[in-house]
PDB file of N, CA and C in Angstrom:
ATOM      1  N   GLN A   1     -11.807  13.496  23.587  1.00  0.00           N
ATOM      2  CA  GLN A   1     -12.544  12.804  24.615  1.00  0.00           C
ATOM      3  C   GLN A   1     -12.356  11.289  24.553  1.00  0.00           C
ATOM      4  N   LEU A   2     -12.009  10.774  23.374  1.00  0.00           N
ATOM      5  CA  LEU A   2     -11.664   9.363  23.219  1.00  0.00           C
ATOM      6  C   LEU A   2     -10.239   9.305  22.687  1.00  0.00           C
ATOM      7  N   VAL A   3      -9.388   8.549  23.369  1.00  0.00           N
ATOM      8  CA  VAL A   3      -7.984   8.477  22.979  1.00  0.00           C
ATOM      9  C   VAL A   3      -7.594   7.016  22.826  1.00  0.00           C
ATOM     10  N   GLU A   4      -7.195   6.653  21.598  1.00  0.00           N
ATOM     11  CA  GLU A   4      -6.752   5.301  21.334  1.00  0.00           C
ATOM     12  C   GLU A   4      -5.248   5.183  21.547  1.00  0.00           C
ATOM     13  N   SER A   5      -4.827   3.987  21.908  1.00  0.00           N
ATOM     14  CA  SER A   5      -3.401   3.687  22.022  1.00  0.00           C
ATOM     15  C   SER A   5      -3.216   2.198  21.814  1.00  0.00           C
ATOM     16  N   GLY A   6      -1.967   1.798  21.673  1.00  0.00           N
ATOM     17  CA  GLY A   6      -1.655   0.379  21.555  1.00  0.00           C
ATOM     18  C   GLY A   6      -1.337  -0.095  20.154  1.00  0.00           C
ATOM     19  N   GLY A   7      -1.481   0.786  19.177  1.00  0.00           N
ATOM     20  CA  GLY A   7      -1.139   0.394  17.824  1.00  0.00           C
ATOM     21  C   GLY A   7       0.363   0.253  17.660  1.00  0.00           C
ATOM     22  N   GLY A   8       0.761  -0.266  16.504  1.00  0.00           N
ATOM     23  CA  GLY A   8       2.183  -0.409  16.227  1.00  0.00           C
ATOM     24  C   GLY A   8       2.427  -1.328  15.059  1.00  0.00           C
ATOM     25  N   LEU A   9       3.680  -1.706  14.927  1.00  0.00           N
ATOM     26  CA  LEU A   9       4.108  -2.608  13.855  1.00  0.00           C
ATOM     27  C   LEU A   9       4.277  -4.006  14.436  1.00  0.00           C
ATOM     28  N   VAL A  10       3.661  -4.981  13.790  1.00  0.00           N
ATOM     29  CA  VAL A  10       3.731  -6.358  14.266  1.00  0.00           C
ATOM     30  C   VAL A  10       3.816  -7.290  13.073  1.00  0.00           C
ATOM     31  N   GLN A  11       4.442  -8.422  13.252  1.00  0.00           N
ATOM     32  CA  GLN A  11       4.524  -9.404  12.177  1.00  0.00           C
ATOM     33  C   GLN A  11       3.217 -10.175  12.066  1.00  0.00           C
ATOM     34  N   ALA A  12       2.963 -10.677  10.896  1.00  0.00           N
ATOM     35  CA  ALA A  12       1.780 -11.508  10.692  1.00  0.00           C
ATOM     36  C   ALA A  12       1.793 -12.667  11.694  1.00  0.00           C
ATOM     37  N   GLY A  13       0.625 -12.919  12.261  1.00  0.00           N
ATOM     38  CA  GLY A  13       0.505 -13.938  13.304  1.00  0.00           C
ATOM     39  C   GLY A  13       0.659 -13.398  14.700  1.00  0.00           C
ATOM     40  N   GLY A  14       1.093 -12.159  14.802  1.00  0.00           N
ATOM     41  CA  GLY A  14       1.303 -11.550  16.108  1.00  0.00           C
ATOM     42  C   GLY A  14       0.025 -10.991  16.713  1.00  0.00           C
ATOM     43  N   SER A  15       0.202 -10.321  17.848  1.00  0.00           N
ATOM     44  CA  SER A  15      -0.938  -9.806  18.606  1.00  0.00           C
ATOM     45  C   SER A  15      -0.709  -8.365  19.025  1.00  0.00           C
ATOM     46  N   LEU A  16      -1.805  -7.662  19.201  1.00  0.00           N
ATOM     47  CA  LEU A  16      -1.796  -6.318  19.757  1.00  0.00           C
ATOM     48  C   LEU A  16      -3.069  -6.144  20.577  1.00  0.00           C
ATOM     49  N   ARG A  17      -2.996  -5.267  21.558  1.00  0.00           N
ATOM     50  CA  ARG A  17      -4.198  -4.876  22.286  1.00  0.00           C
ATOM     51  C   ARG A  17      -4.359  -3.371  22.193  1.00  0.00           C
ATOM     52  N   LEU A  18      -5.445  -2.956  21.598  1.00  0.00           N
ATOM     53  CA  LEU A  18      -5.761  -1.536  21.495  1.00  0.00           C
ATOM     54  C   LEU A  18      -6.579  -1.112  22.708  1.00  0.00           C
ATOM     55  N   THR A  19      -6.335   0.107  23.133  1.00  0.00           N
ATOM     56  CA  THR A  19      -7.050   0.677  24.256  1.00  0.00           C
ATOM     57  C   THR A  19      -7.692   1.992  23.845  1.00  0.00           C
ATOM     58  N   CYS A  20      -8.912   2.199  24.284  1.00  0.00           N
ATOM     59  CA  CYS A  20      -9.620   3.456  24.049  1.00  0.00           C
ATOM     60  C   CYS A  20     -10.015   4.007  25.415  1.00  0.00           C
ATOM     61  N   ALA A  21      -9.403   5.123  25.773  1.00  0.00           N
ATOM     62  CA  ALA A  21      -9.681   5.740  27.064  1.00  0.00           C
ATOM     63  C   ALA A  21     -10.598   6.940  26.875  1.00  0.00           C
ATOM     64  N   ALA A  22     -11.683   6.953  27.642  1.00  0.00           N
ATOM     65  CA  ALA A  22     -12.630   8.056  27.564  1.00  0.00           C
ATOM     66  C   ALA A  22     -12.368   9.038  28.690  1.00  0.00           C
ATOM     67  N   SER A  23     -12.562  10.304  28.371  1.00  0.00           N
ATOM     68  CA  SER A  23     -12.244  11.343  29.349  1.00  0.00           C
ATOM     69  C   SER A  23     -13.357  11.565  30.360  1.00  0.00           C
ATOM     70  N   GLU A  24     -14.558  11.126  30.032  1.00  0.00           N
ATOM     71  CA  GLU A  24     -15.700  11.371  30.911  1.00  0.00           C
ATOM     72  C   GLU A  24     -16.423  10.074  31.249  1.00  0.00           C
ATOM     73  N   ARG A  25     -16.964  10.035  32.465  1.00  0.00           N
ATOM     74  CA  ARG A  25     -17.656   8.840  32.924  1.00  0.00           C
ATOM     75  C   ARG A  25     -18.903   8.556  32.088  1.00  0.00           C
ATOM     76  N   THR A  26     -19.432   9.580  31.434  1.00  0.00           N
ATOM     77  CA  THR A  26     -20.628   9.420  30.597  1.00  0.00           C
ATOM     78  C   THR A  26     -20.453   8.310  29.574  1.00  0.00           C
ATOM     79  N   PHE A  27     -19.232   8.148  29.084  1.00  0.00           N
ATOM     80  CA  PHE A  27     -18.999   7.155  28.036  1.00  0.00           C
ATOM     81  C   PHE A  27     -19.239   5.736  28.519  1.00  0.00           C
ATOM     82  N   SER A  28     -19.229   5.519  29.818  1.00  0.00           N
ATOM     83  CA  SER A  28     -19.506   4.185  30.327  1.00  0.00           C
ATOM     84  C   SER A  28     -20.975   3.810  30.128  1.00  0.00           C
ATOM     85  N   THR A  29     -21.814   4.774  29.758  1.00  0.00           N
ATOM     86  CA  THR A  29     -23.238   4.501  29.517  1.00  0.00           C
ATOM     87  C   THR A  29     -23.558   4.346  28.030  1.00  0.00           C
ATOM     88  N   TYR A  30     -22.542   4.426  27.183  1.00  0.00           N
ATOM     89  CA  TYR A  30     -22.729   4.329  25.739  1.00  0.00           C
ATOM     90  C   TYR A  30     -22.194   3.019  25.188  1.00  0.00           C
ATOM     91  N   ALA A  31     -22.847   2.514  24.162  1.00  0.00           N
ATOM     92  CA  ALA A  31     -22.234   1.441  23.387  1.00  0.00           C
ATOM     93  C   ALA A  31     -21.001   2.002  22.693  1.00  0.00           C
ATOM     94  N   MET A  32     -19.999   1.163  22.526  1.00  0.00           N
ATOM     95  CA  MET A  32     -18.736   1.593  21.919  1.00  0.00           C
ATOM     96  C   MET A  32     -18.404   0.696  20.737  1.00  0.00           C
ATOM     97  N   GLY A  33     -17.722   1.267  19.781  1.00  0.00           N
ATOM     98  CA  GLY A  33     -17.342   0.492  18.614  1.00  0.00           C
ATOM     99  C   GLY A  33     -15.904   0.737  18.220  1.00  0.00           C
ATOM    100  N   TRP A  34     -15.377  -0.213  17.490  1.00  0.00           N
ATOM    101  CA  TRP A  34     -14.060  -0.068  16.847  1.00  0.00           C
ATOM    102  C   TRP A  34     -14.280  -0.134  15.339  1.00  0.00           C
ATOM    103  N   PHE A  35     -13.631   0.789  14.648  1.00  0.00           N
ATOM    104  CA  PHE A  35     -13.651   0.833  13.194  1.00  0.00           C
ATOM    105  C   PHE A  35     -12.214   0.900  12.705  1.00  0.00           C
ATOM    106  N   ARG A  36     -12.022   0.670  11.428  1.00  0.00           N
ATOM    107  CA  ARG A  36     -10.687   0.802  10.849  1.00  0.00           C
ATOM    108  C   ARG A  36     -10.790   1.343   9.437  1.00  0.00           C
ATOM    109  N   GLN A  37      -9.699   1.975   9.032  1.00  0.00           N
ATOM    110  CA  GLN A  37      -9.653   2.543   7.692  1.00  0.00           C
ATOM    111  C   GLN A  37      -8.272   2.338   7.111  1.00  0.00           C
ATOM    112  N   ALA A  38      -8.228   1.600   6.014  1.00  0.00           N
ATOM    113  CA  ALA A  38      -6.982   1.373   5.293  1.00  0.00           C
ATOM    114  C   ALA A  38      -6.839   2.439   4.207  1.00  0.00           C
ATOM    115  N   PRO A  39      -5.624   2.705   3.763  1.00  0.00           N
ATOM    116  CA  PRO A  39      -5.415   3.728   2.724  1.00  0.00           C
ATOM    117  C   PRO A  39      -6.266   3.456   1.489  1.00  0.00           C
ATOM    118  N   GLY A  40      -6.980   4.474   1.034  1.00  0.00           N
ATOM    119  CA  GLY A  40      -7.775   4.352  -0.170  1.00  0.00           C
ATOM    120  C   GLY A  40      -9.088   3.616   0.014  1.00  0.00           C
ATOM    121  N   LYS A  41      -9.395   3.247   1.239  1.00  0.00           N
ATOM    122  CA  LYS A  41     -10.631   2.507   1.487  1.00  0.00           C
ATOM    123  C   LYS A  41     -11.533   3.276   2.452  1.00  0.00           C
ATOM    124  N   GLU A  42     -12.794   2.907   2.458  1.00  0.00           N
ATOM    125  CA  GLU A  42     -13.729   3.529   3.380  1.00  0.00           C
ATOM    126  C   GLU A  42     -13.542   2.968   4.787  1.00  0.00           C
ATOM    127  N   ARG A  43     -13.977   3.760   5.765  1.00  0.00           N
ATOM    128  CA  ARG A  43     -13.930   3.298   7.137  1.00  0.00           C
ATOM    129  C   ARG A  43     -14.899   2.124   7.300  1.00  0.00           C
ATOM    130  N   GLU A  44     -14.433   1.069   7.934  1.00  0.00           N
ATOM    131  CA  GLU A  44     -15.270  -0.114   8.077  1.00  0.00           C
ATOM    132  C   GLU A  44     -15.411  -0.534   9.536  1.00  0.00           C
ATOM    133  N   PHE A  45     -16.539  -1.142   9.812  1.00  0.00           N
ATOM    134  CA  PHE A  45     -16.847  -1.625  11.142  1.00  0.00           C
ATOM    135  C   PHE A  45     -15.971  -2.830  11.487  1.00  0.00           C
ATOM    136  N   VAL A  46     -15.516  -2.869  12.730  1.00  0.00           N
ATOM    137  CA  VAL A  46     -14.742  -4.005  13.212  1.00  0.00           C
ATOM    138  C   VAL A  46     -15.507  -4.748  14.309  1.00  0.00           C
ATOM    139  N   SER A  47     -15.904  -4.002  15.341  1.00  0.00           N
ATOM    140  CA  SER A  47     -16.554  -4.644  16.477  1.00  0.00           C
ATOM    141  C   SER A  47     -17.276  -3.598  17.301  1.00  0.00           C
ATOM    142  N   ALA A  48     -18.268  -4.042  18.084  1.00  0.00           N
ATOM    143  CA  ALA A  48     -18.972  -3.133  18.981  1.00  0.00           C
ATOM    144  C   ALA A  48     -19.372  -3.880  20.236  1.00  0.00           C
ATOM    145  N   ILE A  49     -19.578  -3.108  21.302  1.00  0.00           N
ATOM    146  CA  ILE A  49     -19.956  -3.670  22.588  1.00  0.00           C
ATOM    147  C   ILE A  49     -20.986  -2.763  23.231  1.00  0.00           C
ATOM    148  N   SER A  50     -21.993  -3.365  23.834  1.00  0.00           N
ATOM    149  CA  SER A  50     -23.031  -2.585  24.489  1.00  0.00           C
ATOM    150  C   SER A  50     -22.480  -1.909  25.740  1.00  0.00           C
ATOM    151  N   TRP A  51     -23.250  -0.978  26.277  1.00  0.00           N
ATOM    152  CA  TRP A  51     -22.752  -0.220  27.415  1.00  0.00           C
ATOM    153  C   TRP A  51     -22.458  -1.123  28.611  1.00  0.00           C
ATOM    154  N   SER A  52     -23.230  -2.188  28.766  1.00  0.00           N
ATOM    155  CA  SER A  52     -23.034  -3.094  29.896  1.00  0.00           C
ATOM    156  C   SER A  52     -21.954  -4.130  29.639  1.00  0.00           C
ATOM    157  N   GLY A  53     -21.574  -4.262  28.380  1.00  0.00           N
ATOM    158  CA  GLY A  53     -20.614  -5.296  28.014  1.00  0.00           C
ATOM    159  C   GLY A  53     -21.256  -6.636  27.735  1.00  0.00           C
ATOM    160  N   GLY A  54     -22.565  -6.713  27.856  1.00  0.00           N
ATOM    161  CA  GLY A  54     -23.242  -7.986  27.696  1.00  0.00           C
ATOM    162  C   GLY A  54     -23.460  -8.419  26.260  1.00  0.00           C
ATOM    163  N   ASN A  55     -23.431  -7.474  25.354  1.00  0.00           N
ATOM    164  CA  ASN A  55     -23.626  -7.774  23.933  1.00  0.00           C
ATOM    165  C   ASN A  55     -22.427  -7.318  23.133  1.00  0.00           C
ATOM    166  N   THR A  56     -21.987  -8.171  22.215  1.00  0.00           N
ATOM    167  CA  THR A  56     -20.887  -7.819  21.330  1.00  0.00           C
ATOM    168  C   THR A  56     -21.207  -8.294  19.915  1.00  0.00           C
ATOM    169  N   ILE A  57     -20.534  -7.675  18.957  1.00  0.00           N
ATOM    170  CA  ILE A  57     -20.708  -8.067  17.565  1.00  0.00           C
ATOM    171  C   ILE A  57     -19.390  -7.838  16.846  1.00  0.00           C
ATOM    172  N   TYR A  58     -19.116  -8.648  15.829  1.00  0.00           N
ATOM    173  CA  TYR A  58     -17.852  -8.567  15.107  1.00  0.00           C
ATOM    174  C   TYR A  58     -18.095  -8.642  13.604  1.00  0.00           C
ATOM    175  N   GLN A  59     -17.200  -7.989  12.896  1.00  0.00           N
ATOM    176  CA  GLN A  59     -17.149  -8.189  11.448  1.00  0.00           C
ATOM    177  C   GLN A  59     -16.697  -9.628  11.210  1.00  0.00           C
ATOM    178  N   ASP A  60     -17.221 -10.240  10.160  1.00  0.00           N
ATOM    179  CA  ASP A  60     -16.924 -11.659   9.914  1.00  0.00           C
ATOM    180  C   ASP A  60     -15.424 -11.932   9.801  1.00  0.00           C
ATOM    181  N   SER A  61     -14.674 -11.025   9.193  1.00  0.00           N
ATOM    182  CA  SER A  61     -13.257 -11.293   8.946  1.00  0.00           C
ATOM    183  C   SER A  61     -12.411 -11.302  10.216  1.00  0.00           C
ATOM    184  N   VAL A  62     -12.948 -10.799  11.329  1.00  0.00           N
ATOM    185  CA  VAL A  62     -12.163 -10.760  12.566  1.00  0.00           C
ATOM    186  C   VAL A  62     -12.704 -11.706  13.624  1.00  0.00           C
ATOM    187  N   LYS A  63     -13.818 -12.351  13.344  1.00  0.00           N
ATOM    188  CA  LYS A  63     -14.396 -13.279  14.328  1.00  0.00           C
ATOM    189  C   LYS A  63     -13.393 -14.371  14.670  1.00  0.00           C
ATOM    190  N   GLY A  64     -13.277 -14.631  15.966  1.00  0.00           N
ATOM    191  CA  GLY A  64     -12.350 -15.645  16.426  1.00  0.00           C
ATOM    192  C   GLY A  64     -10.931 -15.138  16.601  1.00  0.00           C
ATOM    193  N   ARG A  65     -10.641 -13.943  16.101  1.00  0.00           N
ATOM    194  CA  ARG A  65      -9.290 -13.374  16.235  1.00  0.00           C
ATOM    195  C   ARG A  65      -9.291 -12.115  17.112  1.00  0.00           C
ATOM    196  N   PHE A  66     -10.356 -11.352  17.057  1.00  0.00           N
ATOM    197  CA  PHE A  66     -10.444 -10.105  17.829  1.00  0.00           C
ATOM    198  C   PHE A  66     -11.465 -10.281  18.954  1.00  0.00           C
ATOM    199  N   THR A  67     -11.187  -9.639  20.071  1.00  0.00           N
ATOM    200  CA  THR A  67     -12.112  -9.654  21.198  1.00  0.00           C
ATOM    201  C   THR A  67     -12.260  -8.241  21.748  1.00  0.00           C
ATOM    202  N   ILE A  68     -13.494  -7.772  21.800  1.00  0.00           N
ATOM    203  CA  ILE A  68     -13.771  -6.450  22.368  1.00  0.00           C
ATOM    204  C   ILE A  68     -14.209  -6.625  23.820  1.00  0.00           C
ATOM    205  N   SER A  69     -13.793  -5.712  24.652  1.00  0.00           N
ATOM    206  CA  SER A  69     -14.194  -5.747  26.054  1.00  0.00           C
ATOM    207  C   SER A  69     -14.166  -4.318  26.588  1.00  0.00           C
ATOM    208  N   ARG A  70     -14.709  -4.159  27.785  1.00  0.00           N
ATOM    209  CA  ARG A  70     -14.701  -2.824  28.375  1.00  0.00           C
ATOM    210  C   ARG A  70     -14.622  -2.934  29.888  1.00  0.00           C
ATOM    211  N   ASP A  71     -14.086  -1.874  30.479  1.00  0.00           N
ATOM    212  CA  ASP A  71     -14.030  -1.744  31.927  1.00  0.00           C
ATOM    213  C   ASP A  71     -14.643  -0.391  32.256  1.00  0.00           C
ATOM    214  N   ASN A  72     -15.889  -0.389  32.641  1.00  0.00           N
ATOM    215  CA  ASN A  72     -16.577   0.879  32.871  1.00  0.00           C
ATOM    216  C   ASN A  72     -16.050   1.623  34.099  1.00  0.00           C
ATOM    217  N   ASP A  73     -15.450   0.910  35.018  1.00  0.00           N
ATOM    218  CA  ASP A  73     -14.843   1.598  36.167  1.00  0.00           C
ATOM    219  C   ASP A  73     -13.660   2.449  35.730  1.00  0.00           C
ATOM    220  N   LYS A  74     -13.019   2.052  34.626  1.00  0.00           N
ATOM    221  CA  LYS A  74     -11.863   2.784  34.109  1.00  0.00           C
ATOM    222  C   LYS A  74     -12.211   3.598  32.867  1.00  0.00           C
ATOM    223  N   ASN A  75     -13.481   3.595  32.468  1.00  0.00           N
ATOM    224  CA  ASN A  75     -13.901   4.319  31.256  1.00  0.00           C
ATOM    225  C   ASN A  75     -13.041   3.910  30.060  1.00  0.00           C
ATOM    226  N   THR A  76     -12.821   2.624  29.906  1.00  0.00           N
ATOM    227  CA  THR A  76     -11.886   2.124  28.896  1.00  0.00           C
ATOM    228  C   THR A  76     -12.500   0.961  28.127  1.00  0.00           C
ATOM    229  N   VAL A  77     -12.220   0.948  26.835  1.00  0.00           N
ATOM    230  CA  VAL A  77     -12.630  -0.145  25.952  1.00  0.00           C
ATOM    231  C   VAL A  77     -11.363  -0.724  25.321  1.00  0.00           C
ATOM    232  N   TYR A  78     -11.369  -2.023  25.137  1.00  0.00           N
ATOM    233  CA  TYR A  78     -10.197  -2.703  24.599  1.00  0.00           C
ATOM    234  C   TYR A  78     -10.569  -3.470  23.326  1.00  0.00           C
ATOM    235  N   LEU A  79      -9.565  -3.672  22.497  1.00  0.00           N
ATOM    236  CA  LEU A  79      -9.697  -4.572  21.362  1.00  0.00           C
ATOM    237  C   LEU A  79      -8.452  -5.445  21.344  1.00  0.00           C
ATOM    238  N   GLN A  80      -8.626  -6.679  21.771  1.00  0.00           N
ATOM    239  CA  GLN A  80      -7.522  -7.641  21.734  1.00  0.00           C
ATOM    240  C   GLN A  80      -7.499  -8.287  20.356  1.00  0.00           C
ATOM    241  N   MET A  81      -6.353  -8.214  19.703  1.00  0.00           N
ATOM    242  CA  MET A  81      -6.230  -8.743  18.348  1.00  0.00           C
ATOM    243  C   MET A  81      -5.137  -9.801  18.327  1.00  0.00           C
ATOM    244  N   ILE A  82      -5.468 -10.994  17.863  1.00  0.00           N
ATOM    245  CA  ILE A  82      -4.492 -12.065  17.732  1.00  0.00           C
ATOM    246  C   ILE A  82      -4.487 -12.567  16.294  1.00  0.00           C
ATOM    247  N   SER A  83      -3.499 -13.371  15.970  1.00  0.00           N
ATOM    248  CA  SER A  83      -3.388 -13.937  14.621  1.00  0.00           C
ATOM    249  C   SER A  83      -3.552 -12.863  13.558  1.00  0.00           C
ATOM    250  N   LEU A  84      -2.857 -11.767  13.742  1.00  0.00           N
ATOM    251  CA  LEU A  84      -3.012 -10.642  12.831  1.00  0.00           C
ATOM    252  C   LEU A  84      -2.526 -10.977  11.428  1.00  0.00           C
ATOM    253  N   LYS A  85      -3.215 -10.397  10.458  1.00  0.00           N
ATOM    254  CA  LYS A  85      -2.908 -10.603   9.043  1.00  0.00           C
ATOM    255  C   LYS A  85      -2.571  -9.260   8.412  1.00  0.00           C
ATOM    256  N   SER A  86      -1.916  -9.323   7.279  1.00  0.00           N
ATOM    257  CA  SER A  86      -1.534  -8.084   6.599  1.00  0.00           C
ATOM    258  C   SER A  86      -2.775  -7.248   6.252  1.00  0.00           C
ATOM    259  N   GLU A  87      -3.867  -7.902   5.975  1.00  0.00           N
ATOM    260  CA  GLU A  87      -5.093  -7.171   5.625  1.00  0.00           C
ATOM    261  C   GLU A  87      -5.733  -6.466   6.822  1.00  0.00           C
ATOM    262  N   ASP A  88      -5.204  -6.693   8.018  1.00  0.00           N
ATOM    263  CA  ASP A  88      -5.671  -5.955   9.196  1.00  0.00           C
ATOM    264  C   ASP A  88      -4.993  -4.589   9.309  1.00  0.00           C
ATOM    265  N   THR A  89      -4.022  -4.332   8.460  1.00  0.00           N
ATOM    266  CA  THR A  89      -3.319  -3.059   8.493  1.00  0.00           C
ATOM    267  C   THR A  89      -4.276  -1.905   8.204  1.00  0.00           C
ATOM    268  N   ALA A  90      -4.327  -0.948   9.115  1.00  0.00           N
ATOM    269  CA  ALA A  90      -5.243   0.188   8.985  1.00  0.00           C
ATOM    270  C   ALA A  90      -5.050   1.111  10.178  1.00  0.00           C
ATOM    271  N   VAL A  91      -5.680   2.264  10.096  1.00  0.00           N
ATOM    272  CA  VAL A  91      -5.832   3.112  11.278  1.00  0.00           C
ATOM    273  C   VAL A  91      -7.104   2.651  11.982  1.00  0.00           C
ATOM    274  N   TYR A  92      -6.979   2.377  13.269  1.00  0.00           N
ATOM    275  CA  TYR A  92      -8.100   1.903  14.060  1.00  0.00           C
ATOM    276  C   TYR A  92      -8.651   3.037  14.915  1.00  0.00           C
ATOM    277  N   TYR A  93      -9.966   3.179  14.873  1.00  0.00           N
ATOM    278  CA  TYR A  93     -10.660   4.235  15.603  1.00  0.00           C
ATOM    279  C   TYR A  93     -11.654   3.634  16.582  1.00  0.00           C
ATOM    280  N   CYS A  94     -11.739   4.225  17.755  1.00  0.00           N
ATOM    281  CA  CYS A  94     -12.850   3.864  18.636  1.00  0.00           C
ATOM    282  C   CYS A  94     -13.900   4.965  18.552  1.00  0.00           C
ATOM    283  N   ALA A  95     -15.128   4.581  18.856  1.00  0.00           N
ATOM    284  CA  ALA A  95     -16.242   5.509  18.737  1.00  0.00           C
ATOM    285  C   ALA A  95     -17.297   5.177  19.782  1.00  0.00           C
ATOM    286  N   ALA A  96     -18.062   6.194  20.145  1.00  0.00           N
ATOM    287  CA  ALA A  96     -19.161   6.031  21.101  1.00  0.00           C
ATOM    288  C   ALA A  96     -20.458   6.429  20.434  1.00  0.00           C
ATOM    289  N   ASP A  97     -21.526   5.667  20.671  1.00  0.00           N
ATOM    290  CA  ASP A  97     -22.760   5.955  19.933  1.00  0.00           C
ATOM    291  C   ASP A  97     -23.605   7.042  20.570  1.00  0.00           C
ATOM    292  N   GLY A  98     -23.311   7.468  21.788  1.00  0.00           N
ATOM    293  CA  GLY A  98     -23.978   8.623  22.377  1.00  0.00           C
ATOM    294  C   GLY A  98     -25.385   8.400  22.874  1.00  0.00           C
ATOM    295  N   GLU A  99     -25.874   7.165  22.867  1.00  0.00           N
ATOM    296  CA  GLU A  99     -27.236   6.915  23.352  1.00  0.00           C
ATOM    297  C   GLU A  99     -27.171   6.273  24.734  1.00  0.00           C
ATOM    298  N   PHE A 100     -27.799   6.929  25.688  1.00  0.00           N
ATOM    299  CA  PHE A 100     -27.708   6.548  27.087  1.00  0.00           C
ATOM    300  C   PHE A 100     -28.320   5.183  27.360  1.00  0.00           C
ATOM    301  N   LEU A 101     -27.512   4.269  27.887  1.00  0.00           N
ATOM    302  CA  LEU A 101     -27.955   2.955  28.362  1.00  0.00           C
ATOM    303  C   LEU A 101     -28.756   2.158  27.333  1.00  0.00           C
ATOM    304  N   TRP A 102     -28.315   2.237  26.076  1.00  0.00           N
ATOM    305  CA  TRP A 102     -28.977   1.476  25.022  1.00  0.00           C
ATOM    306  C   TRP A 102     -28.221   0.185  24.805  1.00  0.00           C
ATOM    307  N   ASN A 103     -28.893  -0.942  24.842  1.00  0.00           N
ATOM    308  CA  ASN A 103     -28.219  -2.225  24.743  1.00  0.00           C
ATOM    309  C   ASN A 103     -28.084  -2.749  23.324  1.00  0.00           C
ATOM    310  N   GLY A 104     -28.501  -1.950  22.361  1.00  0.00           N
ATOM    311  CA  GLY A 104     -28.323  -2.368  20.988  1.00  0.00           C
ATOM    312  C   GLY A 104     -26.890  -2.140  20.526  1.00  0.00           C
ATOM    313  N   LEU A 105     -26.617  -2.554  19.310  1.00  0.00           N
ATOM    314  CA  LEU A 105     -25.285  -2.405  18.726  1.00  0.00           C
ATOM    315  C   LEU A 105     -25.416  -1.832  17.325  1.00  0.00           C
ATOM    316  N   ARG A 106     -24.549  -0.904  17.007  1.00  0.00           N
ATOM    317  CA  ARG A 106     -24.586  -0.247  15.708  1.00  0.00           C
ATOM    318  C   ARG A 106     -23.307  -0.550  14.951  1.00  0.00           C
ATOM    319  N   THR A 107     -23.430  -0.639  13.622  1.00  0.00           N
ATOM    320  CA  THR A 107     -22.278  -1.008  12.805  1.00  0.00           C
ATOM    321  C   THR A 107     -21.897   0.035  11.759  1.00  0.00           C
ATOM    322  N   ARG A 108     -22.679   1.083  11.643  1.00  0.00           N
ATOM    323  CA  ARG A 108     -22.367   2.103  10.634  1.00  0.00           C
ATOM    324  C   ARG A 108     -21.684   3.308  11.264  1.00  0.00           C
ATOM    325  N   PRO A 109     -20.660   3.824  10.654  1.00  0.00           N
ATOM    326  CA  PRO A 109     -19.942   4.976  11.235  1.00  0.00           C
ATOM    327  C   PRO A 109     -20.854   6.167  11.502  1.00  0.00           C
ATOM    328  N   THR A 110     -21.846   6.368  10.661  1.00  0.00           N
ATOM    329  CA  THR A 110     -22.721   7.532  10.811  1.00  0.00           C
ATOM    330  C   THR A 110     -23.585   7.446  12.059  1.00  0.00           C
ATOM    331  N   GLU A 111     -23.656   6.266  12.663  1.00  0.00           N
ATOM    332  CA  GLU A 111     -24.480   6.088  13.855  1.00  0.00           C
ATOM    333  C   GLU A 111     -23.722   6.399  15.143  1.00  0.00           C
ATOM    334  N   TYR A 112     -22.463   6.741  15.026  1.00  0.00           N
ATOM    335  CA  TYR A 112     -21.641   7.041  16.192  1.00  0.00           C
ATOM    336  C   TYR A 112     -21.383   8.536  16.278  1.00  0.00           C
ATOM    337  N   ASP A 113     -21.460   9.049  17.493  1.00  0.00           N
ATOM    338  CA  ASP A 113     -21.376  10.491  17.708  1.00  0.00           C
ATOM    339  C   ASP A 113     -19.994  10.994  18.101  1.00  0.00           C
ATOM    340  N   TYR A 114     -19.193  10.149  18.712  1.00  0.00           N
ATOM    341  CA  TYR A 114     -17.894  10.581  19.224  1.00  0.00           C
ATOM    342  C   TYR A 114     -16.810   9.652  18.677  1.00  0.00           C
ATOM    343  N   TRP A 115     -15.674  10.268  18.333  1.00  0.00           N
ATOM    344  CA  TRP A 115     -14.592   9.523  17.710  1.00  0.00           C
ATOM    345  C   TRP A 115     -13.252   9.900  18.330  1.00  0.00           C
ATOM    346  N   GLY A 116     -12.377   8.900  18.374  1.00  0.00           N
ATOM    347  CA  GLY A 116     -10.999   9.178  18.737  1.00  0.00           C
ATOM    348  C   GLY A 116     -10.205   9.570  17.508  1.00  0.00           C
ATOM    349  N   GLN A 117      -8.912   9.822  17.716  1.00  0.00           N
ATOM    350  CA  GLN A 117      -8.066  10.294  16.622  1.00  0.00           C
ATOM    351  C   GLN A 117      -7.453   9.148  15.822  1.00  0.00           C
ATOM    352  N   GLY A 118      -7.545   7.934  16.345  1.00  0.00           N
ATOM    353  CA  GLY A 118      -7.050   6.773  15.634  1.00  0.00           C
ATOM    354  C   GLY A 118      -5.653   6.353  16.054  1.00  0.00           C
ATOM    355  N   THR A 119      -5.380   5.073  15.878  1.00  0.00           N
ATOM    356  CA  THR A 119      -4.044   4.532  16.130  1.00  0.00           C
ATOM    357  C   THR A 119      -3.691   3.583  14.993  1.00  0.00           C
ATOM    358  N   GLN A 120      -2.458   3.710  14.508  1.00  0.00           N
ATOM    359  CA  GLN A 120      -2.039   2.933  13.338  1.00  0.00           C
ATOM    360  C   GLN A 120      -1.659   1.514  13.746  1.00  0.00           C
ATOM    361  N   VAL A 121      -2.179   0.557  13.017  1.00  0.00           N
ATOM    362  CA  VAL A 121      -1.780  -0.842  13.153  1.00  0.00           C
ATOM    363  C   VAL A 121      -1.209  -1.285  11.814  1.00  0.00           C
ATOM    364  N   THR A 122       0.020  -1.752  11.827  1.00  0.00           N
ATOM    365  CA  THR A 122       0.667  -2.227  10.619  1.00  0.00           C
ATOM    366  C   THR A 122       1.129  -3.652  10.834  1.00  0.00           C
ATOM    367  N   VAL A 123       0.661  -4.539   9.972  1.00  0.00           N
ATOM    368  CA  VAL A 123       1.013  -5.950  10.068  1.00  0.00           C
ATOM    369  C   VAL A 123       1.881  -6.301   8.873  1.00  0.00           C
ATOM    370  N   SER A 124       3.096  -6.704   9.143  1.00  0.00           N
ATOM    371  CA  SER A 124       4.023  -7.043   8.066  1.00  0.00           C
ATOM    372  C   SER A 124       3.943  -8.538   7.782  1.00  0.00           C
ATOM    373  N   SER A 125       3.982  -8.846   6.494  1.00  0.00           N
ATOM    374  CA  SER A 125       3.871 -10.261   6.096  1.00  0.00           C
ATOM    375  C   SER A 125       5.241 -10.881   5.910  1.00  0.00           C
TER     376      SER A 125
END
């Protein structure tokens, strides 16, 4: 129901834009988040956006480099990533929190109900 795309191999300092496409219009009423998981590490929060797009939050290490946005007409969420670093290398997942029209933001993986399959981002130094 959530499909990520846009990952790939990029040099340090480069940019990528990840896309998360939802199969149902219902997802436009949910807050959405991006998480990532590097080999041997736990899944960590990257960014989240409220259902309206009016509220956003970022992990400190990506502030100023990543931008989350959404287009509810297209049932799509984006993560624009610039100035990528080798430590950004991970599988990136989008997730939906499943709560109808809630303007809060959640940062823990356990608080999200729906997940995509992930897209690999590799940043070479």
